Amino acid sequence: MANLKIKLVKSLNGRLEKHIATANSLGLRRIGHETVQPDNEQTRGKIAKIGYLLQVTEEK
């Protein structure tokens, strides 16, 4: 199974509470934080919700 490398590239200041909570659930706290998550439906849903804040790359 592939993994996704997710990086927070925009600030969470002034964002909707749900979007901040989604970023926190991915392990992203501040700009520049990176995390590796499994490529599954749950992760894809979170990325779809706050994709405008993220940079996503695929890892093998």
N, C-alpha and C. Protein backbone atom coordinates (compact mmCIF):
# COMPACT_ATOMS: atom_id res chain seq x y z
N MET A 1 0.85 -1.18 0.00
CA MET A 1 0.00 0.00 0.00
C MET A 1 0.89 1.24 0.00
N ALA A 2 0.52 2.21 -0.79
CA ALA A 2 1.28 3.46 -0.89
C ALA A 2 0.94 4.38 0.28
N ASN A 3 1.83 5.31 0.52
CA ASN A 3 1.63 6.33 1.54
C ASN A 3 1.62 7.70 0.89
N LEU A 4 1.04 8.65 1.57
CA LEU A 4 0.99 10.03 1.10
C LEU A 4 1.79 10.90 2.05
N LYS A 5 2.65 11.73 1.50
CA LYS A 5 3.40 12.71 2.29
C LYS A 5 2.62 14.02 2.19
N ILE A 6 2.18 14.52 3.33
CA ILE A 6 1.31 15.69 3.37
C ILE A 6 2.05 16.81 4.10
N LYS A 7 2.07 18.00 3.49
CA LYS A 7 2.76 19.15 4.07
C LYS A 7 1.79 20.32 4.14
N LEU A 8 1.76 20.98 5.28
CA LEU A 8 0.93 22.17 5.45
C LEU A 8 1.70 23.38 4.90
N VAL A 9 1.14 24.02 3.87
CA VAL A 9 1.86 25.12 3.21
C VAL A 9 1.18 26.48 3.43
N LYS A 10 -0.02 26.50 3.96
CA LYS A 10 -0.71 27.76 4.27
C LYS A 10 -1.12 27.76 5.73
N SER A 11 -1.28 28.94 6.28
CA SER A 11 -1.58 29.12 7.69
C SER A 11 -2.99 28.66 8.04
N LEU A 12 -3.16 28.24 9.28
CA LEU A 12 -4.47 27.86 9.80
C LEU A 12 -5.20 29.03 10.45
N ASN A 13 -4.53 30.18 10.57
CA ASN A 13 -5.15 31.36 11.18
C ASN A 13 -6.36 31.81 10.37
N GLY A 14 -7.47 32.02 11.06
CA GLY A 14 -8.67 32.54 10.41
C GLY A 14 -9.46 31.51 9.64
N ARG A 15 -9.08 30.25 9.70
CA ARG A 15 -9.79 29.18 8.99
C ARG A 15 -10.97 28.70 9.82
N LEU A 16 -11.87 27.98 9.19
CA LEU A 16 -13.00 27.39 9.89
C LEU A 16 -12.50 26.39 10.93
N GLU A 17 -13.23 26.29 12.04
CA GLU A 17 -12.85 25.37 13.11
C GLU A 17 -12.75 23.93 12.60
N LYS A 18 -13.66 23.54 11.74
CA LYS A 18 -13.63 22.17 11.20
C LYS A 18 -12.38 21.93 10.37
N HIS A 19 -11.92 22.94 9.64
CA HIS A 19 -10.73 22.79 8.82
C HIS A 19 -9.48 22.69 9.70
N ILE A 20 -9.45 23.46 10.78
CA ILE A 20 -8.33 23.38 11.73
C ILE A 20 -8.30 22.00 12.38
N ALA A 21 -9.47 21.50 12.76
CA ALA A 21 -9.56 20.18 13.39
C ALA A 21 -9.11 19.08 12.42
N THR A 22 -9.45 19.24 11.15
CA THR A 22 -9.04 18.26 10.15
C THR A 22 -7.52 18.26 9.99
N ALA A 23 -6.92 19.44 9.94
CA ALA A 23 -5.45 19.54 9.85
C ALA A 23 -4.80 18.90 11.07
N ASN A 24 -5.35 19.17 12.25
CA ASN A 24 -4.81 18.58 13.48
C ASN A 24 -4.94 17.06 13.48
N SER A 25 -6.02 16.54 12.92
CA SER A 25 -6.20 15.08 12.87
C SER A 25 -5.20 14.42 11.93
N LEU A 26 -4.68 15.20 10.99
CA LEU A 26 -3.63 14.69 10.10
C LEU A 26 -2.24 14.85 10.73
N GLY A 27 -2.17 15.50 11.88
CA GLY A 27 -0.89 15.71 12.56
C GLY A 27 -0.18 16.97 12.13
N LEU A 28 -0.90 17.90 11.52
CA LEU A 28 -0.32 19.14 11.03
C LEU A 28 -0.68 20.27 11.97
N ARG A 29 0.32 20.92 12.56
CA ARG A 29 0.07 21.95 13.55
C ARG A 29 0.44 23.35 13.06
N ARG A 30 1.52 23.46 12.26
CA ARG A 30 1.95 24.78 11.79
C ARG A 30 2.54 24.64 10.39
N ILE A 31 2.76 25.77 9.76
CA ILE A 31 3.29 25.79 8.39
C ILE A 31 4.62 25.04 8.35
N GLY A 32 4.77 24.19 7.36
CA GLY A 32 6.01 23.44 7.18
C GLY A 32 5.98 22.05 7.78
N HIS A 33 5.00 21.76 8.62
CA HIS A 33 4.89 20.42 9.19
C HIS A 33 4.59 19.42 8.09
N GLU A 34 5.23 18.27 8.17
CA GLU A 34 4.99 17.18 7.22
C GLU A 34 4.59 15.94 7.99
N THR A 35 3.76 15.13 7.36
CA THR A 35 3.37 13.86 7.95
C THR A 35 3.19 12.85 6.83
N VAL A 36 3.34 11.58 7.17
CA VAL A 36 3.12 10.50 6.21
C VAL A 36 1.89 9.72 6.67
N GLN A 37 0.91 9.63 5.79
CA GLN A 37 -0.34 8.97 6.11
C GLN A 37 -0.60 7.87 5.08
N PRO A 38 -1.35 6.82 5.46
CA PRO A 38 -1.69 5.78 4.49
C PRO A 38 -2.64 6.33 3.43
N ASP A 39 -2.52 5.81 2.23
CA ASP A 39 -3.39 6.24 1.12
C ASP A 39 -4.67 5.43 1.18
N ASN A 40 -5.66 5.95 1.92
CA ASN A 40 -6.96 5.28 2.02
C ASN A 40 -8.07 6.31 1.89
N GLU A 41 -9.31 5.86 1.95
CA GLU A 41 -10.45 6.75 1.75
C GLU A 41 -10.55 7.82 2.82
N GLN A 42 -10.25 7.48 4.06
CA GLN A 42 -10.33 8.45 5.14
C GLN A 42 -9.34 9.60 4.92
N THR A 43 -8.12 9.26 4.59
CA THR A 43 -7.10 10.28 4.36
C THR A 43 -7.45 11.11 3.13
N ARG A 44 -7.92 10.47 2.07
CA ARG A 44 -8.30 11.20 0.85
C ARG A 44 -9.44 12.18 1.14
N GLY A 45 -10.38 11.81 2.00
CA GLY A 45 -11.48 12.69 2.36
C GLY A 45 -10.99 13.91 3.11
N LYS A 46 -10.05 13.71 4.02
CA LYS A 46 -9.49 14.84 4.76
C LYS A 46 -8.73 15.78 3.83
N ILE A 47 -7.99 15.21 2.89
CA ILE A 47 -7.25 16.02 1.93
C ILE A 47 -8.22 16.81 1.04
N ALA A 48 -9.31 16.19 0.65
CA ALA A 48 -10.30 16.87 -0.18
C ALA A 48 -10.91 18.06 0.55
N LYS A 49 -11.06 17.94 1.85
CA LYS A 49 -11.68 18.99 2.65
C LYS A 49 -10.77 20.22 2.80
N ILE A 50 -9.48 19.99 3.00
CA ILE A 50 -8.56 21.11 3.24
C ILE A 50 -7.41 21.12 2.23
N GLY A 51 -7.66 20.63 1.05
CA GLY A 51 -6.62 20.54 0.03
C GLY A 51 -6.00 21.86 -0.35
N TYR A 52 -6.74 22.95 -0.18
CA TYR A 52 -6.22 24.27 -0.52
C TYR A 52 -5.13 24.74 0.44
N LEU A 53 -4.93 24.02 1.54
CA LEU A 53 -3.90 24.36 2.52
C LEU A 53 -2.68 23.45 2.42
N LEU A 54 -2.77 22.40 1.60
CA LEU A 54 -1.79 21.32 1.64
C LEU A 54 -1.01 21.17 0.35
N GLN A 55 0.12 20.49 0.48
CA GLN A 55 0.89 19.99 -0.66
C GLN A 55 1.01 18.48 -0.43
N VAL A 56 0.56 17.69 -1.38
CA VAL A 56 0.51 16.24 -1.21
C VAL A 56 1.37 15.58 -2.28
N THR A 57 2.24 14.65 -1.84
CA THR A 57 3.03 13.85 -2.77
C THR A 57 2.89 12.39 -2.38
N GLU A 58 3.05 11.53 -3.37
CA GLU A 58 2.92 10.09 -3.14
C GLU A 58 4.27 9.49 -2.81
N GLU A 59 4.29 8.61 -1.82
CA GLU A 59 5.49 7.88 -1.43
C GLU A 59 5.28 6.41 -1.70
N LYS A 60 6.36 5.71 -1.98
CA LYS A 60 6.24 4.27 -2.19
C LYS A 60 6.88 3.51 -1.08
